[in-house]
Amino acid sequence: MPHHFTKGTVTATCWCKPCGKPTVHYVFDGRRGGCQECIARRDREKTAREAKPDVPEQMGLFGGK
């Protein structure tokens, strides 16, 4: 059974399966939320994907599209 926290708890250290170590997790309404490290990694990956430059448009055989 998962651990429940008091309503006033904001963060708690719990084991994170993806990270493989104890990390700080958010606590929402007495229940454990996401791992702060996993959320930060996901946000970094998203910004890296969005930052990739678009592929330039390839011209046709005689300069047309």
PDB file of N, CA and C in Angstrom:
ATOM      1  N   MET A   1       0.845  -1.175   0.000  1.00  0.00           N
ATOM      2  CA  MET A   1       0.000   0.000   0.000  1.00  0.00           C
ATOM      3  C   MET A   1       0.888   1.234   0.000  1.00  0.00           C
ATOM      4  N   PRO A   2       0.597   2.228  -0.854  1.00  0.00           N
ATOM      5  CA  PRO A   2       1.426   3.423  -0.910  1.00  0.00           C
ATOM      6  C   PRO A   2       1.321   4.240   0.372  1.00  0.00           C
ATOM      7  N   HIS A   3       2.350   4.993   0.620  1.00  0.00           N
ATOM      8  CA  HIS A   3       2.408   5.821   1.815  1.00  0.00           C
ATOM      9  C   HIS A   3       1.613   7.095   1.593  1.00  0.00           C
ATOM     10  N   HIS A   4       0.833   7.503   2.580  1.00  0.00           N
ATOM     11  CA  HIS A   4       0.072   8.752   2.509  1.00  0.00           C
ATOM     12  C   HIS A   4       0.671   9.745   3.482  1.00  0.00           C
ATOM     13  N   PHE A   5       0.611  11.012   3.136  1.00  0.00           N
ATOM     14  CA  PHE A   5       1.194  12.067   3.933  1.00  0.00           C
ATOM     15  C   PHE A   5       0.100  12.981   4.461  1.00  0.00           C
ATOM     16  N   THR A   6       0.451  13.844   5.426  1.00  0.00           N
ATOM     17  CA  THR A   6      -0.506  14.810   5.937  1.00  0.00           C
ATOM     18  C   THR A   6      -0.805  15.837   4.854  1.00  0.00           C
ATOM     19  N   LYS A   7      -1.907  16.558   5.001  1.00  0.00           N
ATOM     20  CA  LYS A   7      -2.323  17.533   3.988  1.00  0.00           C
ATOM     21  C   LYS A   7      -1.328  18.681   3.858  1.00  0.00           C
ATOM     22  N   GLY A   8      -0.581  18.986   4.912  1.00  0.00           N
ATOM     23  CA  GLY A   8       0.362  20.093   4.883  1.00  0.00           C
ATOM     24  C   GLY A   8       1.705  19.759   4.259  1.00  0.00           C
ATOM     25  N   THR A   9       1.954  18.494   3.961  1.00  0.00           N
ATOM     26  CA  THR A   9       3.234  18.086   3.385  1.00  0.00           C
ATOM     27  C   THR A   9       3.314  18.550   1.936  1.00  0.00           C
ATOM     28  N   VAL A  10       4.456  19.155   1.566  1.00  0.00           N
ATOM     29  CA  VAL A  10       4.643  19.656   0.206  1.00  0.00           C
ATOM     30  C   VAL A  10       5.604  18.769  -0.575  1.00  0.00           C
ATOM     31  N   THR A  11       6.710  18.337   0.046  1.00  0.00           N
ATOM     32  CA  THR A  11       7.670  17.449  -0.599  1.00  0.00           C
ATOM     33  C   THR A  11       8.090  16.371   0.391  1.00  0.00           C
ATOM     34  N   ALA A  12       8.548  15.251  -0.145  1.00  0.00           N
ATOM     35  CA  ALA A  12       9.040  14.155   0.678  1.00  0.00           C
ATOM     36  C   ALA A  12      10.069  13.361  -0.115  1.00  0.00           C
ATOM     37  N   THR A  13      11.007  12.752   0.583  1.00  0.00           N
ATOM     38  CA  THR A  13      12.007  11.911  -0.068  1.00  0.00           C
ATOM     39  C   THR A  13      11.478  10.485  -0.131  1.00  0.00           C
ATOM     40  N   CYS A  14      11.399   9.953  -1.354  1.00  0.00           N
ATOM     41  CA  CYS A  14      10.909   8.590  -1.581  1.00  0.00           C
ATOM     42  C   CYS A  14      11.776   7.932  -2.644  1.00  0.00           C
ATOM     43  N   TRP A  15      11.687   6.623  -2.734  1.00  0.00           N
ATOM     44  CA  TRP A  15      12.421   5.880  -3.749  1.00  0.00           C
ATOM     45  C   TRP A  15      11.766   6.101  -5.102  1.00  0.00           C
ATOM     46  N   CYS A  16      12.592   6.355  -6.106  1.00  0.00           N
ATOM     47  CA  CYS A  16      12.104   6.572  -7.474  1.00  0.00           C
ATOM     48  C   CYS A  16      12.632   5.428  -8.335  1.00  0.00           C
ATOM     49  N   LYS A  17      11.729   4.661  -8.928  1.00  0.00           N
ATOM     50  CA  LYS A  17      12.135   3.535  -9.771  1.00  0.00           C
ATOM     51  C   LYS A  17      12.938   3.978 -10.994  1.00  0.00           C
ATOM     52  N   PRO A  18      12.486   4.987 -11.771  1.00  0.00           N
ATOM     53  CA  PRO A  18      13.262   5.389 -12.942  1.00  0.00           C
ATOM     54  C   PRO A  18      14.659   5.899 -12.588  1.00  0.00           C
ATOM     55  N   CYS A  19      14.772   6.657 -11.495  1.00  0.00           N
ATOM     56  CA  CYS A  19      16.079   7.191 -11.091  1.00  0.00           C
ATOM     57  C   CYS A  19      16.930   6.128 -10.397  1.00  0.00           C
ATOM     58  N   GLY A  20      16.283   5.185  -9.745  1.00  0.00           N
ATOM     59  CA  GLY A  20      17.000   4.129  -9.039  1.00  0.00           C
ATOM     60  C   GLY A  20      17.646   4.588  -7.748  1.00  0.00           C
ATOM     61  N   LYS A  21      17.069   5.619  -7.131  1.00  0.00           N
ATOM     62  CA  LYS A  21      17.621   6.145  -5.882  1.00  0.00           C
ATOM     63  C   LYS A  21      16.532   6.945  -5.172  1.00  0.00           C
ATOM     64  N   PRO A  22      16.743   7.246  -3.889  1.00  0.00           N
ATOM     65  CA  PRO A  22      15.776   8.096  -3.190  1.00  0.00           C
ATOM     66  C   PRO A  22      15.898   9.546  -3.674  1.00  0.00           C
ATOM     67  N   THR A  23      14.784  10.126  -4.073  1.00  0.00           N
ATOM     68  CA  THR A  23      14.766  11.499  -4.581  1.00  0.00           C
ATOM     69  C   THR A  23      13.610  12.259  -3.945  1.00  0.00           C
ATOM     70  N   VAL A  24      13.601  13.561  -4.134  1.00  0.00           N
ATOM     71  CA  VAL A  24      12.539  14.410  -3.598  1.00  0.00           C
ATOM     72  C   VAL A  24      11.349  14.349  -4.550  1.00  0.00           C
ATOM     73  N   HIS A  25      10.179  14.044  -3.986  1.00  0.00           N
ATOM     74  CA  HIS A  25       8.936  13.971  -4.741  1.00  0.00           C
ATOM     75  C   HIS A  25       7.987  15.056  -4.252  1.00  0.00           C
ATOM     76  N   TYR A  26       7.156  15.549  -5.156  1.00  0.00           N
ATOM     77  CA  TYR A  26       6.090  16.459  -4.755  1.00  0.00           C
ATOM     78  C   TYR A  26       5.020  15.660  -4.024  1.00  0.00           C
ATOM     79  N   VAL A  27       4.294  16.313  -3.128  1.00  0.00           N
ATOM     80  CA  VAL A  27       3.172  15.687  -2.441  1.00  0.00           C
ATOM     81  C   VAL A  27       1.959  16.583  -2.666  1.00  0.00           C
ATOM     82  N   PHE A  28       0.905  16.014  -3.256  1.00  0.00           N
ATOM     83  CA  PHE A  28      -0.315  16.747  -3.537  1.00  0.00           C
ATOM     84  C   PHE A  28      -1.466  16.121  -2.770  1.00  0.00           C
ATOM     85  N   ASP A  29      -2.099  16.927  -1.937  1.00  0.00           N
ATOM     86  CA  ASP A  29      -3.288  16.499  -1.195  1.00  0.00           C
ATOM     87  C   ASP A  29      -3.041  15.204  -0.414  1.00  0.00           C
ATOM     88  N   GLY A  30      -1.844  15.065   0.153  1.00  0.00           N
ATOM     89  CA  GLY A  30      -1.533  13.909   0.973  1.00  0.00           C
ATOM     90  C   GLY A  30      -1.031  12.697   0.207  1.00  0.00           C
ATOM     91  N   ARG A  31      -0.911  12.797  -1.097  1.00  0.00           N
ATOM     92  CA  ARG A  31      -0.431  11.663  -1.901  1.00  0.00           C
ATOM     93  C   ARG A  31       0.815  12.055  -2.672  1.00  0.00           C
ATOM     94  N   ARG A  32       1.700  11.087  -2.828  1.00  0.00           N
ATOM     95  CA  ARG A  32       2.967  11.345  -3.503  1.00  0.00           C
ATOM     96  C   ARG A  32       2.757  11.651  -4.970  1.00  0.00           C
ATOM     97  N   GLY A  33       3.446  12.695  -5.431  1.00  0.00           N
ATOM     98  CA  GLY A  33       3.374  13.093  -6.840  1.00  0.00           C
ATOM     99  C   GLY A  33       4.641  12.685  -7.557  1.00  0.00           C
ATOM    100  N   GLY A  34       5.010  13.445  -8.557  1.00  0.00           N
ATOM    101  CA  GLY A  34       6.157  13.126  -9.389  1.00  0.00           C
ATOM    102  C   GLY A  34       7.491  13.463  -8.748  1.00  0.00           C
ATOM    103  N   CYS A  35       8.517  12.779  -9.221  1.00  0.00           N
ATOM    104  CA  CYS A  35       9.895  13.002  -8.787  1.00  0.00           C
ATOM    105  C   CYS A  35      10.388  14.305  -9.410  1.00  0.00           C
ATOM    106  N   GLN A  36      10.997  15.167  -8.619  1.00  0.00           N
ATOM    107  CA  GLN A  36      11.467  16.454  -9.126  1.00  0.00           C
ATOM    108  C   GLN A  36      12.574  16.276 -10.157  1.00  0.00           C
ATOM    109  N   GLU A  37      13.444  15.280  -9.990  1.00  0.00           N
ATOM    110  CA  GLU A  37      14.517  15.038 -10.955  1.00  0.00           C
ATOM    111  C   GLU A  37      13.960  14.528 -12.286  1.00  0.00           C
ATOM    112  N   CYS A  38      12.983  13.623 -12.238  1.00  0.00           N
ATOM    113  CA  CYS A  38      12.378  13.103 -13.471  1.00  0.00           C
ATOM    114  C   CYS A  38      11.639  14.212 -14.218  1.00  0.00           C
ATOM    115  N   ILE A  39      10.939  15.070 -13.485  1.00  0.00           N
ATOM    116  CA  ILE A  39      10.208  16.165 -14.112  1.00  0.00           C
ATOM    117  C   ILE A  39      11.185  17.139 -14.758  1.00  0.00           C
ATOM    118  N   ALA A  40      12.286  17.451 -14.072  1.00  0.00           N
ATOM    119  CA  ALA A  40      13.290  18.357 -14.629  1.00  0.00           C
ATOM    120  C   ALA A  40      13.939  17.753 -15.870  1.00  0.00           C
ATOM    121  N   ARG A  41      14.236  16.446 -15.845  1.00  0.00           N
ATOM    122  CA  ARG A  41      14.839  15.778 -17.000  1.00  0.00           C
ATOM    123  C   ARG A  41      13.878  15.788 -18.190  1.00  0.00           C
ATOM    124  N   ARG A  42      12.598  15.530 -17.921  1.00  0.00           N
ATOM    125  CA  ARG A  42      11.593  15.543 -18.984  1.00  0.00           C
ATOM    126  C   ARG A  42      11.479  16.936 -19.603  1.00  0.00           C
ATOM    127  N   ASP A  43      11.517  17.974 -18.768  1.00  0.00           N
ATOM    128  CA  ASP A  43      11.443  19.344 -19.285  1.00  0.00           C
ATOM    129  C   ASP A  43      12.675  19.699 -20.105  1.00  0.00           C
ATOM    130  N   ARG A  44      13.871  19.267 -19.666  1.00  0.00           N
ATOM    131  CA  ARG A  44      15.097  19.526 -20.434  1.00  0.00           C
ATOM    132  C   ARG A  44      15.045  18.841 -21.787  1.00  0.00           C
ATOM    133  N   GLU A  45      14.568  17.590 -21.831  1.00  0.00           N
ATOM    134  CA  GLU A  45      14.463  16.855 -23.086  1.00  0.00           C
ATOM    135  C   GLU A  45      13.462  17.525 -24.025  1.00  0.00           C
ATOM    136  N   LYS A  46      12.363  18.038 -23.476  1.00  0.00           N
ATOM    137  CA  LYS A  46      11.357  18.701 -24.299  1.00  0.00           C
ATOM    138  C   LYS A  46      11.929  19.968 -24.917  1.00  0.00           C
ATOM    139  N   THR A  47      12.634  20.777 -24.137  1.00  0.00           N
ATOM    140  CA  THR A  47      13.213  22.005 -24.686  1.00  0.00           C
ATOM    141  C   THR A  47      14.293  21.684 -25.714  1.00  0.00           C
ATOM    142  N   ALA A  48      15.044  20.591 -25.516  1.00  0.00           N
ATOM    143  CA  ALA A  48      16.071  20.201 -26.476  1.00  0.00           C
ATOM    144  C   ALA A  48      15.427  19.768 -27.798  1.00  0.00           C
ATOM    145  N   ARG A  49      14.313  19.050 -27.732  1.00  0.00           N
ATOM    146  CA  ARG A  49      13.605  18.639 -28.950  1.00  0.00           C
ATOM    147  C   ARG A  49      13.058  19.856 -29.688  1.00  0.00           C
ATOM    148  N   GLU A  50      12.517  20.811 -28.939  1.00  0.00           N
ATOM    149  CA  GLU A  50      11.942  22.000 -29.556  1.00  0.00           C
ATOM    150  C   GLU A  50      13.020  22.911 -30.132  1.00  0.00           C
ATOM    151  N   ALA A  51      14.240  22.852 -29.619  1.00  0.00           N
ATOM    152  CA  ALA A  51      15.313  23.732 -30.061  1.00  0.00           C
ATOM    153  C   ALA A  51      15.986  23.246 -31.343  1.00  0.00           C
ATOM    154  N   LYS A  52      15.716  22.016 -31.772  1.00  0.00           N
ATOM    155  CA  LYS A  52      16.338  21.496 -32.988  1.00  0.00           C
ATOM    156  C   LYS A  52      15.913  22.343 -34.182  1.00  0.00           C
ATOM    157  N   PRO A  53      16.861  22.739 -35.016  1.00  0.00           N
ATOM    158  CA  PRO A  53      16.498  23.551 -36.186  1.00  0.00           C
ATOM    159  C   PRO A  53      15.709  22.724 -37.202  1.00  0.00           C
ATOM    160  N   ASP A  54      14.847  23.412 -37.931  1.00  0.00           N
ATOM    161  CA  ASP A  54      14.065  22.740 -38.975  1.00  0.00           C
ATOM    162  C   ASP A  54      14.973  22.389 -40.148  1.00  0.00           C
ATOM    163  N   VAL A  55      14.631  21.324 -40.841  1.00  0.00           N
ATOM    164  CA  VAL A  55      15.384  20.897 -42.012  1.00  0.00           C
ATOM    165  C   VAL A  55      15.086  21.886 -43.133  1.00  0.00           C
ATOM    166  N   PRO A  56      16.111  22.404 -43.795  1.00  0.00           N
ATOM    167  CA  PRO A  56      15.840  23.357 -44.884  1.00  0.00           C
ATOM    168  C   PRO A  56      15.062  22.688 -46.021  1.00  0.00           C
ATOM    169  N   GLU A  57      14.216  23.483 -46.653  1.00  0.00           N
ATOM    170  CA  GLU A  57      13.398  22.948 -47.729  1.00  0.00           C
ATOM    171  C   GLU A  57      14.263  22.649 -48.945  1.00  0.00           C
ATOM    172  N   GLN A  58      14.078  21.477 -49.507  1.00  0.00           N
ATOM    173  CA  GLN A  58      14.878  21.044 -50.635  1.00  0.00           C
ATOM    174  C   GLN A  58      14.278  21.594 -51.935  1.00  0.00           C
ATOM    175  N   MET A  59      15.119  22.163 -52.761  1.00  0.00           N
ATOM    176  CA  MET A  59      14.671  22.744 -54.030  1.00  0.00           C
ATOM    177  C   MET A  59      14.466  21.624 -55.045  1.00  0.00           C
ATOM    178  N   GLY A  60      13.614  21.907 -56.036  1.00  0.00           N
ATOM    179  CA  GLY A  60      13.335  20.951 -57.097  1.00  0.00           C
ATOM    180  C   GLY A  60      14.480  20.887 -58.109  1.00  0.00           C
ATOM    181  N   LEU A  61      14.282  20.156 -59.161  1.00  0.00           N
ATOM    182  CA  LEU A  61      15.304  19.925 -60.163  1.00  0.00           C
ATOM    183  C   LEU A  61      15.723  21.221 -60.879  1.00  0.00           C
ATOM    184  N   PHE A  62      14.752  22.097 -61.169  1.00  0.00           N
ATOM    185  CA  PHE A  62      15.073  23.322 -61.895  1.00  0.00           C
ATOM    186  C   PHE A  62      14.841  24.577 -61.048  1.00  0.00           C
ATOM    187  N   GLY A  63      15.035  24.476 -59.750  1.00  0.00           N
ATOM    188  CA  GLY A  63      14.911  25.624 -58.864  1.00  0.00           C
ATOM    189  C   GLY A  63      13.508  25.860 -58.334  1.00  0.00           C
ATOM    190  N   GLY A  64      12.531  25.171 -58.826  1.00  0.00           N
ATOM    191  CA  GLY A  64      11.169  25.310 -58.312  1.00  0.00           C
ATOM    192  C   GLY A  64      10.947  24.378 -57.126  1.00  0.00           C
ATOM    193  N   LYS A  65       9.794  24.494 -56.577  1.00  0.00           N
ATOM    194  CA  LYS A  65       9.480  23.625 -55.438  1.00  0.00           C
ATOM    195  C   LYS A  65       9.002  22.339 -55.970  1.00  0.00           C
TER     196      LYS A  65
END
